[in-house]
Amino acid sequence: MNRFWGSLLVVAGITFAFCTHAVASSQKVGFLDVAKVISQSHWGKQISNNLKGDQVQLTNAVQQQKEQFTSARDSYMKKRDIMDAKARARKEQQLEQMAAKLQKLLSDSQAKWTEEKKQAMEPLFKKMYEVANKVAKSENYDLVVDRSALIVADPKNDISSKVISELDRSH
């Protein structure tokens, strides 16, 4: 019985290899390096620079509030031994509120940054895929995949530079 399953696996493997070779040889497959398109196209660079400015503003706001919290906490730590129980409890409550406010600011900033990035990149992605489709059709590619999904790829099948050129012309 084990021989039967072993033989069946060998036959299935050989069949799979022949089918894969037949499919692969009949299709032209290209790839697009999305990160490269974003980092090298004029439009992608512009969006990235704008997003960096927004990120700096959000980071500065968080950093400023973090410094205020750290200063208040350090001050409390120095004085807590000479405070009475009521003053200590009141100050600890204030510190907890500051920490919660800081955490909320951090969370809100991250959510805002994610949404801004999504909105800024969406038109670029839409246009990039339109251009990639146009390039794929003009060069008779049956399939174009994202470079990040590949382990090994022949550089001759990289359409990224063509997409960058077309994006720069059209934007």
Protein backbone atom coordinates (compact mmCIF):
# COMPACT_ATOMS: atom_id res chain seq x y z
CA MET A 1 0.00 0.00 0.00
CA ASN A 2 2.86 2.43 0.84
CA ARG A 3 4.39 1.73 -2.57
CA PHE A 4 1.13 2.69 -4.23
CA TRP A 5 1.03 6.10 -2.48
CA GLY A 6 4.73 6.64 -3.13
CA SER A 7 4.28 5.88 -6.82
CA LEU A 8 1.22 8.11 -6.97
CA LEU A 9 3.18 11.00 -5.43
CA VAL A 10 6.01 10.55 -7.94
CA VAL A 11 3.56 10.54 -10.87
CA ALA A 12 1.76 13.60 -9.47
CA GLY A 13 5.08 15.42 -9.04
CA ILE A 14 6.16 14.67 -12.61
CA THR A 15 2.77 15.74 -13.95
CA PHE A 16 2.92 18.96 -11.93
CA ALA A 17 6.43 19.72 -13.21
CA PHE A 18 5.39 19.24 -16.84
CA CYS A 19 2.24 21.34 -16.39
CA THR A 20 4.13 24.12 -14.64
CA HIS A 21 6.78 24.16 -17.35
CA ALA A 22 4.13 24.25 -20.08
CA VAL A 23 2.25 27.13 -18.42
CA ALA A 24 5.41 29.07 -17.61
CA SER A 25 6.80 28.75 -21.11
CA SER A 26 3.60 29.98 -22.74
CA GLN A 27 3.19 33.12 -20.64
CA LYS A 28 5.26 36.25 -20.45
CA VAL A 29 5.54 37.39 -16.84
CA GLY A 30 6.81 40.79 -15.77
CA PHE A 31 7.13 42.50 -12.44
CA LEU A 32 6.67 45.94 -10.98
CA ASP A 33 8.68 47.23 -8.04
CA VAL A 34 6.10 49.46 -6.36
CA ALA A 35 8.56 50.82 -3.78
CA LYS A 36 10.93 51.81 -6.58
CA VAL A 37 8.13 53.58 -8.46
CA ILE A 38 7.19 55.53 -5.35
CA SER A 39 10.77 56.47 -4.47
CA GLN A 40 11.89 57.37 -8.00
CA SER A 41 8.89 58.94 -9.72
CA HIS A 42 8.40 62.69 -9.39
CA TRP A 43 4.87 62.21 -8.10
CA GLY A 44 5.98 59.59 -5.54
CA LYS A 45 8.81 61.81 -4.32
CA GLN A 46 6.43 64.75 -3.97
CA ILE A 47 3.95 62.71 -1.95
CA SER A 48 6.72 61.25 0.22
CA ASN A 49 8.11 64.72 0.97
CA ASN A 50 4.67 66.06 1.87
CA LEU A 51 4.04 63.07 4.12
CA LYS A 52 7.40 63.55 5.84
CA GLY A 53 6.43 67.10 6.72
CA ASP A 54 3.12 65.94 8.15
CA GLN A 55 4.86 63.18 10.08
CA VAL A 56 7.32 65.67 11.58
CA GLN A 57 4.45 67.85 12.80
CA LEU A 58 2.67 64.91 14.40
CA THR A 59 5.89 63.61 15.95
CA ASN A 60 6.71 67.04 17.37
CA ALA A 61 3.29 67.31 19.02
CA VAL A 62 3.70 63.90 20.63
CA GLN A 63 7.28 64.66 21.68
CA GLN A 64 6.27 67.95 23.28
CA GLN A 65 3.55 66.29 25.34
CA LYS A 66 5.90 63.43 26.25
CA GLU A 67 8.45 65.94 27.56
CA GLN A 68 5.78 67.68 29.64
CA PHE A 69 4.73 64.34 31.13
CA THR A 70 8.33 63.31 31.84
CA SER A 71 9.06 66.65 33.50
CA ALA A 72 5.93 66.44 35.67
CA ARG A 73 6.71 62.83 36.63
CA ASP A 74 10.33 63.64 37.50
CA SER A 75 9.22 66.60 39.59
CA TYR A 76 6.72 64.41 41.43
CA MET A 77 9.33 61.69 42.05
CA LYS A 78 11.64 64.26 43.70
CA LYS A 79 8.91 65.72 45.94
CA ARG A 80 6.70 62.73 46.73
CA ASP A 81 8.46 61.82 49.97
CA ILE A 82 7.70 65.23 51.49
CA MET A 83 4.07 65.35 50.23
CA ASP A 84 1.14 64.38 52.38
CA ALA A 85 -1.09 61.50 51.26
CA LYS A 86 -3.77 63.76 49.72
CA ALA A 87 -1.27 65.78 47.68
CA ARG A 88 0.47 62.59 46.56
CA ALA A 89 -2.83 61.00 45.46
CA ARG A 90 -3.87 64.18 43.63
CA LYS A 91 -0.51 64.41 41.80
CA GLU A 92 -0.60 60.69 40.90
CA GLN A 93 -4.09 61.16 39.47
CA GLN A 94 -2.84 64.13 37.42
CA LEU A 95 0.07 62.03 36.14
CA GLU A 96 -2.30 59.20 35.19
CA GLN A 97 -4.47 61.68 33.29
CA MET A 98 -1.42 63.09 31.52
CA ALA A 99 -0.26 59.59 30.61
CA ALA A 100 -3.72 58.71 29.25
CA LYS A 101 -3.80 61.95 27.27
CA LEU A 102 -0.34 61.22 25.87
CA GLN A 103 -1.36 57.68 24.91
CA LYS A 104 -4.49 59.01 23.18
CA LEU A 105 -2.46 61.62 21.30
CA LEU A 106 -0.04 58.95 20.17
CA SER A 107 -2.84 56.65 19.03
CA ASP A 108 -4.71 59.48 17.29
CA SER A 109 -1.51 60.66 15.60
CA GLN A 110 -0.78 57.20 14.26
CA ALA A 111 -4.34 56.84 12.97
CA LYS A 112 -4.21 60.30 11.37
CA TRP A 113 -0.84 59.54 9.76
CA THR A 114 -2.13 56.22 8.38
CA GLU A 115 -5.23 57.88 6.93
CA GLU A 116 -3.23 60.78 5.42
CA LYS A 117 -0.80 58.32 3.84
CA LYS A 118 -3.64 56.24 2.42
CA GLN A 119 -5.39 59.28 0.96
CA ALA A 120 -2.17 60.73 -0.46
CA MET A 121 -1.02 57.46 -2.05
CA GLU A 122 -4.38 56.28 -3.40
CA PRO A 123 -4.35 58.40 -6.60
CA LEU A 124 -0.72 57.45 -7.25
CA PHE A 125 -1.48 53.73 -6.85
CA LYS A 126 -4.49 54.00 -9.12
CA LYS A 127 -2.50 55.76 -11.84
CA MET A 128 0.49 53.44 -11.35
CA TYR A 129 -1.66 50.37 -11.95
CA GLU A 130 -3.27 51.98 -15.00
CA VAL A 131 0.17 52.73 -16.43
CA ALA A 132 1.46 49.25 -15.53
CA ASN A 133 -1.51 47.74 -17.35
CA LYS A 134 -0.80 49.91 -20.39
CA VAL A 135 2.90 48.94 -20.39
CA ALA A 136 2.02 45.25 -19.90
CA LYS A 137 -0.35 45.32 -22.87
CA SER A 138 2.07 47.18 -25.12
CA GLU A 139 4.89 44.72 -24.30
CA ASN A 140 2.67 41.62 -24.45
CA TYR A 141 3.00 40.60 -20.81
CA ASP A 142 0.35 38.10 -19.76
CA LEU A 143 0.96 38.71 -16.11
CA VAL A 144 2.63 41.42 -14.01
CA VAL A 145 3.25 40.84 -10.32
CA ASP A 146 4.58 43.01 -7.50
CA ARG A 147 8.34 42.60 -7.00
CA SER A 148 7.85 42.10 -3.27
CA ALA A 149 6.06 38.81 -4.02
CA LEU A 150 9.07 37.37 -5.87
CA ILE A 151 12.16 35.64 -4.60
CA VAL A 152 14.06 35.51 -7.89
CA ALA A 153 13.33 37.68 -10.90
CA ASP A 154 15.11 38.35 -14.17
CA PRO A 155 15.74 42.12 -14.40
CA LYS A 156 14.77 42.08 -18.07
CA ASN A 157 11.14 41.55 -16.96
CA ASP A 158 11.12 44.59 -14.67
CA ILE A 159 8.70 47.18 -16.05
CA SER A 160 9.24 49.62 -13.16
CA SER A 161 11.41 52.09 -15.11
CA LYS A 162 8.88 52.22 -17.93
CA VAL A 163 6.08 52.84 -15.45
CA ILE A 164 8.12 55.59 -13.75
CA SER A 165 8.79 57.29 -17.10
CA GLU A 166 5.16 57.13 -18.10
CA LEU A 167 3.99 58.40 -14.69
CA ASP A 168 6.42 61.32 -14.87
CA ARG A 169 5.17 62.21 -18.35
CA SER A 170 1.50 61.97 -17.41
CA HIS A 171 1.65 63.81 -14.07
